[in-house]
Every structure is written in structure tokens, then in C-alpha cells.
Amino acid sequence: MKLRYFEELKPDALQDYYSTDIDFEGRQIQLDINFESNTIAESRLLIVNNILEKLPEFVDKLKHFIQEDFKEGNDVQEFLDFHIDEMDEELESLLLTTDKKLNKDEQLLSVVSLRRIGFYPEEDDNFTVADFGLDREISQYVLVVNTTEDQELNYITMES
């Protein structure tokens, strides 16, 4: 079965990991598909392909989840607070081109970008795992957005 951005996958003879880098919104991002077993129902791969075919819309949805979490002051705020508290000097250069009408949290959030989307088609609750972060030279920490097979938010957390 051919999935967008990927080589041919055989649902009855899978490897455990497939990965590719693509240009998305002017940046390189990693896409990967992860399997625990060597077979899977084709319907599960179709869900992956549907997301890949509508990748810009899916990423917009992920960004919306991040914005909602930010408004509620949860994990996104923890991510921003950590970087503002721990890396204030390094962030100054990163924020040079941001909208100065925004407060510092909003400025920092505006430069957070997608790094990776991992697909776990055997999982229902963590079907996709998307990593958003700052420039890798500034921070190893990422905001991880986990969504269900229905592309609904499961949870957001900060990881390194």
C-alpha cells in the first residue's frame, strides 16, 4: 500500500519503523510510522494516509490544540515558563522578529514550530504524536501533542 510521502508498505509484512523527512511550511520535519507487530489491517493505514493527504489541515488542528491549552494555562504555559526562566538570554535573538505587541509568552509561542509527527496505527489513544519546539540549538525540550485515531486531542505534555 502506498502512503503519501512514504515508500510502499505491505500490511502483511511490515517493518517496525518507517521514516522520511519532508519540507513543510519552509522547514524540514520528520514523519515516521511505528509498528509493534508485522501485520496490520489496511483500514488503519488508510487512517494514516488520510491524515497525510490533509497534512496542512491536521497541523492547523494541532496548533489549535496548543493555543487552547495555552489559554487554559496548562502544559503549554509550563513549556513557555521553563524557557523564559531558564534561557532568557538565548531567547532574545529568537524573538527579534516577533510581533512586539504580543506579550513574551505569546512571542515565544509564535516561534514554536513542528519538528515531527509520529504515527502509531496500532494505538487508539496515541495514534499520532507530534513534537513542536524551538530551534534545536536553543532547546531540546518539545511540546508533545498526542491525538487519537479520530484526530481528537488526547493530551499535551513537555518532554526532552
C-alpha atoms as a PDB file:
ATOM      1  CA  MET A   1       0.000   0.000   0.000  1.00  0.00           C
ATOM      2  CA  LYS A   2       1.364   3.423  -0.954  1.00  0.00           C
ATOM      3  CA  LEU A   3       1.117   6.154   1.674  1.00  0.00           C
ATOM      4  CA  ARG A   4       1.769   9.774   0.845  1.00  0.00           C
ATOM      5  CA  TYR A   5       5.432  10.711   1.487  1.00  0.00           C
ATOM      6  CA  PHE A   6       6.385   7.058   2.140  1.00  0.00           C
ATOM      7  CA  GLU A   7       7.574   4.071   0.182  1.00  0.00           C
ATOM      8  CA  GLU A   8       5.282   1.121  -0.436  1.00  0.00           C
ATOM      9  CA  LEU A   9       4.141  -0.576   2.804  1.00  0.00           C
ATOM     10  CA  LYS A  10       2.907  -4.150   2.869  1.00  0.00           C
ATOM     11  CA  PRO A  11       0.234  -4.518   5.600  1.00  0.00           C
ATOM     12  CA  ASP A  12       1.076  -8.220   5.938  1.00  0.00           C
ATOM     13  CA  ALA A  13       4.892  -7.780   6.065  1.00  0.00           C
ATOM     14  CA  LEU A  14       5.702  -4.611   7.988  1.00  0.00           C
ATOM     15  CA  GLN A  15       8.981  -3.355   9.344  1.00  0.00           C
ATOM     16  CA  ASP A  16       8.796  -1.832  12.823  1.00  0.00           C
ATOM     17  CA  TYR A  17       9.744   1.687  11.700  1.00  0.00           C
ATOM     18  CA  TYR A  18       9.437   3.858   8.603  1.00  0.00           C
ATOM     19  CA  SER A  19      10.751   7.420   8.462  1.00  0.00           C
ATOM     20  CA  THR A  20      11.017  10.270   5.990  1.00  0.00           C
ATOM     21  CA  ASP A  21      11.868  13.959   6.127  1.00  0.00           C
ATOM     22  CA  ILE A  22       9.721  16.423   4.208  1.00  0.00           C
ATOM     23  CA  ASP A  23       9.671  20.148   3.602  1.00  0.00           C
ATOM     24  CA  PHE A  24       6.654  21.594   5.397  1.00  0.00           C
ATOM     25  CA  GLU A  25       5.967  25.312   5.731  1.00  0.00           C
ATOM     26  CA  GLY A  26       9.582  26.066   4.839  1.00  0.00           C
ATOM     27  CA  ARG A  27      11.073  23.698   7.421  1.00  0.00           C
ATOM     28  CA  GLN A  28      12.226  20.114   7.452  1.00  0.00           C
ATOM     29  CA  ILE A  29      10.016  17.872   9.558  1.00  0.00           C
ATOM     30  CA  GLN A  30      10.230  14.176  10.237  1.00  0.00           C
ATOM     31  CA  LEU A  31       7.330  11.831   9.596  1.00  0.00           C
ATOM     32  CA  ASP A  32       7.531   8.314  10.989  1.00  0.00           C
ATOM     33  CA  ILE A  33       5.265   5.299  11.284  1.00  0.00           C
ATOM     34  CA  ASN A  34       5.811   2.843  14.122  1.00  0.00           C
ATOM     35  CA  PHE A  35       4.554  -0.740  14.411  1.00  0.00           C
ATOM     36  CA  GLU A  36       4.746  -3.287  17.206  1.00  0.00           C
ATOM     37  CA  SER A  37       3.658  -6.222  15.054  1.00  0.00           C
ATOM     38  CA  ASN A  38       4.473  -7.126  11.469  1.00  0.00           C
ATOM     39  CA  THR A  39       0.872  -7.051  10.214  1.00  0.00           C
ATOM     40  CA  ILE A  40      -1.946  -4.514  10.393  1.00  0.00           C
ATOM     41  CA  ALA A  41      -5.409  -4.020   8.944  1.00  0.00           C
ATOM     42  CA  GLU A  42      -5.301  -1.910   5.797  1.00  0.00           C
ATOM     43  CA  SER A  43      -8.038   0.287   7.309  1.00  0.00           C
ATOM     44  CA  ARG A  44      -5.557   1.501   9.945  1.00  0.00           C
ATOM     45  CA  LEU A  45      -3.092   2.538   7.234  1.00  0.00           C
ATOM     46  CA  LEU A  46      -5.894   4.335   5.417  1.00  0.00           C
ATOM     47  CA  ILE A  47      -6.389   6.500   8.515  1.00  0.00           C
ATOM     48  CA  VAL A  48      -2.673   7.384   8.417  1.00  0.00           C
ATOM     49  CA  ASN A  49      -2.886   8.171   4.712  1.00  0.00           C
ATOM     50  CA  ASN A  50      -5.970  10.362   5.187  1.00  0.00           C
ATOM     51  CA  ILE A  51      -4.039  12.450   7.713  1.00  0.00           C
ATOM     52  CA  LEU A  52      -1.009  12.625   5.409  1.00  0.00           C
ATOM     53  CA  GLU A  53      -3.175  13.692   2.461  1.00  0.00           C
ATOM     54  CA  LYS A  54      -4.548  16.566   4.556  1.00  0.00           C
ATOM     55  CA  LEU A  55      -1.370  17.344   6.475  1.00  0.00           C
ATOM     56  CA  PRO A  56      -1.736  21.171   6.489  1.00  0.00           C
ATOM     57  CA  GLU A  57      -5.249  20.894   7.949  1.00  0.00           C
ATOM     58  CA  PHE A  58      -4.099  18.356  10.540  1.00  0.00           C
ATOM     59  CA  VAL A  59      -1.179  20.566  11.617  1.00  0.00           C
ATOM     60  CA  ASP A  60      -3.575  23.520  11.917  1.00  0.00           C
ATOM     61  CA  LYS A  61      -5.700  21.373  14.219  1.00  0.00           C
ATOM     62  CA  LEU A  62      -2.638  20.536  16.323  1.00  0.00           C
ATOM     63  CA  LYS A  63      -1.760  24.230  16.571  1.00  0.00           C
ATOM     64  CA  HIS A  64      -5.333  24.935  17.670  1.00  0.00           C
ATOM     65  CA  PHE A  65      -4.957  22.347  20.460  1.00  0.00           C
ATOM     66  CA  ILE A  66      -1.752  24.116  21.561  1.00  0.00           C
ATOM     67  CA  GLN A  67      -3.484  27.516  21.562  1.00  0.00           C
ATOM     68  CA  GLU A  68      -6.393  26.157  23.609  1.00  0.00           C
ATOM     69  CA  ASP A  69      -4.026  24.606  26.140  1.00  0.00           C
ATOM     70  CA  PHE A  70      -2.116  27.908  26.308  1.00  0.00           C
ATOM     71  CA  LYS A  71      -5.342  29.813  27.058  1.00  0.00           C
ATOM     72  CA  GLU A  72      -6.093  27.376  29.876  1.00  0.00           C
ATOM     73  CA  GLY A  73      -2.605  27.830  31.361  1.00  0.00           C
ATOM     74  CA  ASN A  74      -1.648  24.163  31.337  1.00  0.00           C
ATOM     75  CA  ASP A  75       1.310  22.310  29.813  1.00  0.00           C
ATOM     76  CA  VAL A  76       1.991  24.865  27.090  1.00  0.00           C
ATOM     77  CA  GLN A  77       2.367  27.538  29.766  1.00  0.00           C
ATOM     78  CA  GLU A  78       4.779  25.281  31.658  1.00  0.00           C
ATOM     79  CA  PHE A  79       6.848  24.903  28.454  1.00  0.00           C
ATOM     80  CA  LEU A  80       6.917  28.677  27.917  1.00  0.00           C
ATOM     81  CA  ASP A  81       7.679  29.452  31.576  1.00  0.00           C
ATOM     82  CA  PHE A  82      10.561  26.982  31.588  1.00  0.00           C
ATOM     83  CA  HIS A  83      12.171  28.575  28.544  1.00  0.00           C
ATOM     84  CA  ILE A  84      11.638  32.147  29.704  1.00  0.00           C
ATOM     85  CA  ASP A  85      13.038  31.362  33.166  1.00  0.00           C
ATOM     86  CA  GLU A  86      15.957  29.164  32.097  1.00  0.00           C
ATOM     87  CA  MET A  87      17.022  30.621  28.766  1.00  0.00           C
ATOM     88  CA  ASP A  88      16.164  34.281  28.795  1.00  0.00           C
ATOM     89  CA  GLU A  89      19.375  35.426  27.055  1.00  0.00           C
ATOM     90  CA  GLU A  90      19.227  32.771  24.308  1.00  0.00           C
ATOM     91  CA  LEU A  91      15.612  33.661  23.581  1.00  0.00           C
ATOM     92  CA  GLU A  92      16.301  37.317  22.862  1.00  0.00           C
ATOM     93  CA  SER A  93      17.751  36.577  19.412  1.00  0.00           C
ATOM     94  CA  LEU A  94      14.931  34.160  18.675  1.00  0.00           C
ATOM     95  CA  LEU A  95      12.299  36.785  19.475  1.00  0.00           C
ATOM     96  CA  LEU A  96      13.853  39.613  17.429  1.00  0.00           C
ATOM     97  CA  THR A  97      11.415  39.202  14.546  1.00  0.00           C
ATOM     98  CA  THR A  98       8.276  38.529  16.598  1.00  0.00           C
ATOM     99  CA  ASP A  99       5.341  40.901  16.994  1.00  0.00           C
ATOM    100  CA  LYS A 100       6.300  43.236  19.855  1.00  0.00           C
ATOM    101  CA  LYS A 101       2.614  43.906  20.570  1.00  0.00           C
ATOM    102  CA  LEU A 102       2.417  40.373  21.948  1.00  0.00           C
ATOM    103  CA  ASN A 103       3.477  39.592  25.492  1.00  0.00           C
ATOM    104  CA  LYS A 104       6.630  37.493  25.935  1.00  0.00           C
ATOM    105  CA  ASP A 105       4.704  34.205  26.265  1.00  0.00           C
ATOM    106  CA  GLU A 106       2.817  34.871  23.037  1.00  0.00           C
ATOM    107  CA  GLN A 107       6.017  35.919  21.262  1.00  0.00           C
ATOM    108  CA  LEU A 108       7.724  32.706  22.303  1.00  0.00           C
ATOM    109  CA  LEU A 109       4.726  30.606  21.304  1.00  0.00           C
ATOM    110  CA  SER A 110       4.744  32.267  17.879  1.00  0.00           C
ATOM    111  CA  VAL A 111       8.196  30.803  17.126  1.00  0.00           C
ATOM    112  CA  VAL A 112       7.385  27.265  18.259  1.00  0.00           C
ATOM    113  CA  SER A 113       7.301  25.056  15.179  1.00  0.00           C
ATOM    114  CA  LEU A 114       6.546  21.488  14.184  1.00  0.00           C
ATOM    115  CA  ARG A 115       9.519  19.112  14.254  1.00  0.00           C
ATOM    116  CA  ARG A 116       7.998  15.645  13.918  1.00  0.00           C
ATOM    117  CA  ILE A 117       4.793  13.668  13.555  1.00  0.00           C
ATOM    118  CA  GLY A 118       4.914  10.030  14.575  1.00  0.00           C
ATOM    119  CA  PHE A 119       2.105   7.656  13.679  1.00  0.00           C
ATOM    120  CA  TYR A 120       1.243   4.661  15.849  1.00  0.00           C
ATOM    121  CA  PRO A 121      -1.544   2.954  13.873  1.00  0.00           C
ATOM    122  CA  GLU A 122      -1.947   0.120  16.375  1.00  0.00           C
ATOM    123  CA  GLU A 123      -2.857   2.621  19.099  1.00  0.00           C
ATOM    124  CA  ASP A 124      -6.274   4.218  19.529  1.00  0.00           C
ATOM    125  CA  ASP A 125      -5.470   6.920  22.101  1.00  0.00           C
ATOM    126  CA  ASN A 126      -1.977   7.871  20.902  1.00  0.00           C
ATOM    127  CA  PHE A 127      -2.455   7.401  17.175  1.00  0.00           C
ATOM    128  CA  THR A 128      -0.340  10.463  16.378  1.00  0.00           C
ATOM    129  CA  VAL A 129       2.397  12.059  18.435  1.00  0.00           C
ATOM    130  CA  ALA A 130       3.536  15.480  17.216  1.00  0.00           C
ATOM    131  CA  ASP A 131       6.600  17.301  18.547  1.00  0.00           C
ATOM    132  CA  PHE A 132       6.699  21.097  18.478  1.00  0.00           C
ATOM    133  CA  GLY A 133       9.709  23.029  19.673  1.00  0.00           C
ATOM    134  CA  LEU A 134      12.060  25.945  19.416  1.00  0.00           C
ATOM    135  CA  ASP A 135      15.295  25.950  17.434  1.00  0.00           C
ATOM    136  CA  ARG A 136      17.165  22.734  18.343  1.00  0.00           C
ATOM    137  CA  GLU A 137      20.293  24.753  19.134  1.00  0.00           C
ATOM    138  CA  ILE A 138      18.372  26.608  21.835  1.00  0.00           C
ATOM    139  CA  SER A 139      16.384  23.804  23.445  1.00  0.00           C
ATOM    140  CA  GLN A 140      15.983  20.050  23.418  1.00  0.00           C
ATOM    141  CA  TYR A 141      12.539  20.341  25.025  1.00  0.00           C
ATOM    142  CA  VAL A 142       9.410  19.816  22.954  1.00  0.00           C
ATOM    143  CA  LEU A 143       5.686  20.178  23.346  1.00  0.00           C
ATOM    144  CA  VAL A 144       4.215  16.788  22.531  1.00  0.00           C
ATOM    145  CA  VAL A 145       0.653  16.752  21.207  1.00  0.00           C
ATOM    146  CA  ASN A 146      -0.949  13.300  21.352  1.00  0.00           C
ATOM    147  CA  THR A 147      -4.112  12.691  19.349  1.00  0.00           C
ATOM    148  CA  THR A 148      -6.493   9.785  18.933  1.00  0.00           C
ATOM    149  CA  GLU A 149      -7.244   7.916  15.732  1.00  0.00           C
ATOM    150  CA  ASP A 150     -10.156  10.366  15.264  1.00  0.00           C
ATOM    151  CA  GLN A 151      -7.688  13.276  15.429  1.00  0.00           C
ATOM    152  CA  GLU A 152      -9.043  14.457  18.759  1.00  0.00           C
ATOM    153  CA  LEU A 153      -6.709  15.691  21.478  1.00  0.00           C
ATOM    154  CA  ASN A 154      -5.642  13.066  23.980  1.00  0.00           C
ATOM    155  CA  TYR A 155      -3.129  15.210  25.882  1.00  0.00           C
ATOM    156  CA  ILE A 156      -0.243  17.674  25.605  1.00  0.00           C
ATOM    157  CA  THR A 157       2.949  17.385  27.614  1.00  0.00           C
ATOM    158  CA  MET A 158       6.514  18.704  27.695  1.00  0.00           C
ATOM    159  CA  GLU A 159       9.392  16.273  27.077  1.00  0.00           C
ATOM    160  CA  SER A 160      13.107  16.417  26.363  1.00  0.00           C
END
